Amino acid sequence: MNLLIAKVTVTPLLIFLASLAGRRWGEAVAGWLVGLPLTSAPALLSLPSSTAPTLPYMPAAGSLIGTAAQAGFCLGYGLNAPFGWPRALLCGAGFLAISAILLQLLQPSHVALFATAVLSLVLTLYPKSGS
């Protein structure tokens, strides 16, 4: 029962703290905090204690693939935004789908997935900081 209470309260508490950080330090900080896997981390951390020890690796890999795919969406959208939102949305969705499918098919190790997620976030931010 205590684990259920923790699962139900920790994620909303993290979202609340991110919104407070956004009021204090701005929307960008709140966006980064909510975008990080802080909200899914409590659920992932509770899996080993409630299920088979190897089960948490699948959702963790999915979370890393999702992070890289989201960065792909942002990159595709950002590169095509000057041409209008319909094209930007279509290209962003295409980048997201292609990157998610490729990572699913390649099935890299968890270390490689982590490096890919971090690198994709860095590369997605690079064009904005260069302009």
C-alpha atoms as a PDB file:
ATOM      1  CA  MET A   1       0.000   0.000   0.000  1.00  0.00           C
ATOM      2  CA  ASN A   2       2.855   2.410   0.801  1.00  0.00           C
ATOM      3  CA  LEU A   3       4.326   1.854  -2.664  1.00  0.00           C
ATOM      4  CA  LEU A   4       0.993   2.731  -4.259  1.00  0.00           C
ATOM      5  CA  ILE A   5       0.780   5.940  -2.245  1.00  0.00           C
ATOM      6  CA  ALA A   6       4.314   6.856  -3.277  1.00  0.00           C
ATOM      7  CA  LYS A   7       3.541   6.221  -6.961  1.00  0.00           C
ATOM      8  CA  VAL A   8       0.399   8.345  -6.808  1.00  0.00           C
ATOM      9  CA  THR A   9       1.988  11.276  -4.970  1.00  0.00           C
ATOM     10  CA  VAL A  10       5.589  11.560  -6.189  1.00  0.00           C
ATOM     11  CA  THR A  11       4.899  12.363  -9.863  1.00  0.00           C
ATOM     12  CA  PRO A  12       2.305  15.095  -9.177  1.00  0.00           C
ATOM     13  CA  LEU A  13       4.638  16.518  -6.549  1.00  0.00           C
ATOM     14  CA  LEU A  14       7.469  16.691  -9.103  1.00  0.00           C
ATOM     15  CA  ILE A  15       5.177  18.446 -11.608  1.00  0.00           C
ATOM     16  CA  PHE A  16       4.145  20.907  -8.886  1.00  0.00           C
ATOM     17  CA  LEU A  17       7.785  21.622  -8.017  1.00  0.00           C
ATOM     18  CA  ALA A  18       8.588  22.128 -11.705  1.00  0.00           C
ATOM     19  CA  SER A  19       5.767  24.660 -11.976  1.00  0.00           C
ATOM     20  CA  LEU A  20       7.123  26.496  -8.928  1.00  0.00           C
ATOM     21  CA  ALA A  21      10.569  26.508 -10.516  1.00  0.00           C
ATOM     22  CA  GLY A  22       8.978  27.924 -13.669  1.00  0.00           C
ATOM     23  CA  ARG A  23       7.462  30.787 -11.709  1.00  0.00           C
ATOM     24  CA  ARG A  24      10.792  31.496 -10.059  1.00  0.00           C
ATOM     25  CA  TRP A  25      13.260  30.946 -12.931  1.00  0.00           C
ATOM     26  CA  GLY A  26      11.105  31.071 -16.058  1.00  0.00           C
ATOM     27  CA  GLU A  27       9.341  28.812 -18.515  1.00  0.00           C
ATOM     28  CA  ALA A  28      12.557  27.377 -19.955  1.00  0.00           C
ATOM     29  CA  VAL A  29      13.594  25.922 -16.597  1.00  0.00           C
ATOM     30  CA  ALA A  30      10.124  24.466 -16.044  1.00  0.00           C
ATOM     31  CA  GLY A  31      10.179  22.975 -19.552  1.00  0.00           C
ATOM     32  CA  TRP A  32      13.533  21.322 -18.936  1.00  0.00           C
ATOM     33  CA  LEU A  33      12.413  19.901 -15.605  1.00  0.00           C
ATOM     34  CA  VAL A  34       9.171  18.489 -17.002  1.00  0.00           C
ATOM     35  CA  GLY A  35      10.944  17.248 -20.137  1.00  0.00           C
ATOM     36  CA  LEU A  36      13.472  15.267 -18.134  1.00  0.00           C
ATOM     37  CA  PRO A  37      12.385  11.792 -17.140  1.00  0.00           C
ATOM     38  CA  LEU A  38      11.820  13.004 -13.592  1.00  0.00           C
ATOM     39  CA  THR A  39       8.134  12.271 -13.889  1.00  0.00           C
ATOM     40  CA  SER A  40       8.624   8.714 -15.165  1.00  0.00           C
ATOM     41  CA  ALA A  41      11.586   7.937 -12.902  1.00  0.00           C
ATOM     42  CA  PRO A  42       9.485   7.152  -9.783  1.00  0.00           C
ATOM     43  CA  ALA A  43       7.466   4.594 -11.734  1.00  0.00           C
ATOM     44  CA  LEU A  44      10.611   3.069 -13.225  1.00  0.00           C
ATOM     45  CA  LEU A  45      12.316   2.901  -9.832  1.00  0.00           C
ATOM     46  CA  SER A  46       9.356   1.115  -8.272  1.00  0.00           C
ATOM     47  CA  LEU A  47       9.335  -1.683 -10.862  1.00  0.00           C
ATOM     48  CA  PRO A  48      12.228  -3.767  -9.437  1.00  0.00           C
ATOM     49  CA  SER A  49      10.564  -4.060  -6.058  1.00  0.00           C
ATOM     50  CA  SER A  50       7.189  -5.061  -7.469  1.00  0.00           C
ATOM     51  CA  THR A  51       8.081  -7.326 -10.395  1.00  0.00           C
ATOM     52  CA  ALA A  52      10.800  -9.478 -11.871  1.00  0.00           C
ATOM     53  CA  PRO A  53      14.251  -7.840 -11.635  1.00  0.00           C
ATOM     54  CA  THR A  54      14.761  -7.725 -15.420  1.00  0.00           C
ATOM     55  CA  LEU A  55      11.418  -6.077 -16.261  1.00  0.00           C
ATOM     56  CA  PRO A  56      12.510  -2.440 -15.589  1.00  0.00           C
ATOM     57  CA  TYR A  57      14.959  -2.548 -18.478  1.00  0.00           C
ATOM     58  CA  MET A  58      12.198  -2.524 -21.092  1.00  0.00           C
ATOM     59  CA  PRO A  59      10.429   0.648 -19.884  1.00  0.00           C
ATOM     60  CA  ALA A  60      13.797   2.325 -19.294  1.00  0.00           C
ATOM     61  CA  ALA A  61      14.819   1.586 -22.879  1.00  0.00           C
ATOM     62  CA  GLY A  62      11.452   2.869 -24.081  1.00  0.00           C
ATOM     63  CA  SER A  63      11.915   6.057 -22.095  1.00  0.00           C
ATOM     64  CA  LEU A  64      15.342   6.633 -23.650  1.00  0.00           C
ATOM     65  CA  ILE A  65      14.027   5.906 -27.141  1.00  0.00           C
ATOM     66  CA  GLY A  66      11.176   8.327 -26.484  1.00  0.00           C
ATOM     67  CA  THR A  67      13.605  11.035 -25.387  1.00  0.00           C
ATOM     68  CA  ALA A  68      15.673  10.661 -28.554  1.00  0.00           C
ATOM     69  CA  ALA A  69      12.518  10.582 -30.692  1.00  0.00           C
ATOM     70  CA  GLN A  70      11.199  13.749 -29.028  1.00  0.00           C
ATOM     71  CA  ALA A  71      14.472  15.455 -29.814  1.00  0.00           C
ATOM     72  CA  GLY A  72      14.034  14.288 -33.410  1.00  0.00           C
ATOM     73  CA  PHE A  73      10.582  15.878 -33.491  1.00  0.00           C
ATOM     74  CA  CYS A  74      11.953  19.157 -32.143  1.00  0.00           C
ATOM     75  CA  LEU A  75      14.757  19.140 -34.691  1.00  0.00           C
ATOM     76  CA  GLY A  76      12.439  18.392 -37.613  1.00  0.00           C
ATOM     77  CA  TYR A  77       9.914  20.983 -36.485  1.00  0.00           C
ATOM     78  CA  GLY A  78      12.536  23.636 -35.785  1.00  0.00           C
ATOM     79  CA  LEU A  79      14.283  23.219 -39.116  1.00  0.00           C
ATOM     80  CA  ASN A  80      11.002  23.517 -41.012  1.00  0.00           C
ATOM     81  CA  ALA A  81       9.202  26.149 -38.914  1.00  0.00           C
ATOM     82  CA  PRO A  82      10.183  28.993 -41.279  1.00  0.00           C
ATOM     83  CA  PHE A  83       8.133  27.250 -44.009  1.00  0.00           C
ATOM     84  CA  GLY A  84       4.907  27.243 -41.981  1.00  0.00           C
ATOM     85  CA  TRP A  85       3.476  25.130 -39.218  1.00  0.00           C
ATOM     86  CA  PRO A  86       1.855  22.436 -41.394  1.00  0.00           C
ATOM     87  CA  ARG A  87       5.174  21.513 -42.988  1.00  0.00           C
ATOM     88  CA  ALA A  88       6.969  21.827 -39.656  1.00  0.00           C
ATOM     89  CA  LEU A  89       4.448  19.533 -37.966  1.00  0.00           C
ATOM     90  CA  LEU A  90       4.653  16.953 -40.732  1.00  0.00           C
ATOM     91  CA  CYS A  91       8.466  16.979 -40.755  1.00  0.00           C
ATOM     92  CA  GLY A  92       8.653  16.860 -36.968  1.00  0.00           C
ATOM     93  CA  ALA A  93       6.314  13.873 -36.877  1.00  0.00           C
ATOM     94  CA  GLY A  94       8.369  12.200 -39.588  1.00  0.00           C
ATOM     95  CA  PHE A  95      11.628  12.763 -37.704  1.00  0.00           C
ATOM     96  CA  LEU A  96      10.009  11.377 -34.542  1.00  0.00           C
ATOM     97  CA  ALA A  97       8.689   8.269 -36.290  1.00  0.00           C
ATOM     98  CA  ILE A  98      11.896   7.540 -38.174  1.00  0.00           C
ATOM     99  CA  SER A  99      14.125   7.937 -35.132  1.00  0.00           C
ATOM    100  CA  ALA A 100      11.830   5.818 -32.924  1.00  0.00           C
ATOM    101  CA  ILE A 101      11.540   3.052 -35.529  1.00  0.00           C
ATOM    102  CA  LEU A 102      15.289   2.992 -36.172  1.00  0.00           C
ATOM    103  CA  LEU A 103      16.120   2.793 -32.480  1.00  0.00           C
ATOM    104  CA  GLN A 104      13.544   0.022 -31.991  1.00  0.00           C
ATOM    105  CA  LEU A 105      14.965  -1.971 -34.902  1.00  0.00           C
ATOM    106  CA  LEU A 106      18.618  -1.473 -33.973  1.00  0.00           C
ATOM    107  CA  GLN A 107      18.065  -2.407 -30.304  1.00  0.00           C
ATOM    108  CA  PRO A 108      21.258  -0.777 -29.000  1.00  0.00           C
ATOM    109  CA  SER A 109      22.515  -1.432 -25.489  1.00  0.00           C
ATOM    110  CA  HIS A 110      21.190   0.668 -22.647  1.00  0.00           C
ATOM    111  CA  VAL A 111      24.456   2.575 -22.434  1.00  0.00           C
ATOM    112  CA  ALA A 112      24.270   3.344 -26.158  1.00  0.00           C
ATOM    113  CA  LEU A 113      20.617   4.393 -25.784  1.00  0.00           C
ATOM    114  CA  PHE A 114      21.531   6.740 -22.947  1.00  0.00           C
ATOM    115  CA  ALA A 115      24.351   8.251 -25.013  1.00  0.00           C
ATOM    116  CA  THR A 116      22.007   8.575 -28.002  1.00  0.00           C
ATOM    117  CA  ALA A 117      19.357  10.347 -25.914  1.00  0.00           C
ATOM    118  CA  VAL A 118      21.858  12.798 -24.446  1.00  0.00           C
ATOM    119  CA  LEU A 119      23.557  13.416 -27.796  1.00  0.00           C
ATOM    120  CA  SER A 120      20.234  13.944 -29.563  1.00  0.00           C
ATOM    121  CA  LEU A 121      19.221  16.553 -26.992  1.00  0.00           C
ATOM    122  CA  VAL A 122      22.552  18.350 -27.337  1.00  0.00           C
ATOM    123  CA  LEU A 123      22.423  18.300 -31.139  1.00  0.00           C
ATOM    124  CA  THR A 124      18.836  19.524 -31.148  1.00  0.00           C
ATOM    125  CA  LEU A 125      19.810  22.518 -29.024  1.00  0.00           C
ATOM    126  CA  TYR A 126      22.914  23.339 -31.085  1.00  0.00           C
ATOM    127  CA  PRO A 127      21.201  25.020 -34.091  1.00  0.00           C
ATOM    128  CA  LYS A 128      19.234  27.335 -31.786  1.00  0.00           C
ATOM    129  CA  SER A 129      22.277  28.425 -29.813  1.00  0.00           C
ATOM    130  CA  GLY A 130      24.241  28.966 -33.033  1.00  0.00           C
ATOM    131  CA  SER A 131      21.751  31.461 -34.481  1.00  0.00           C
END
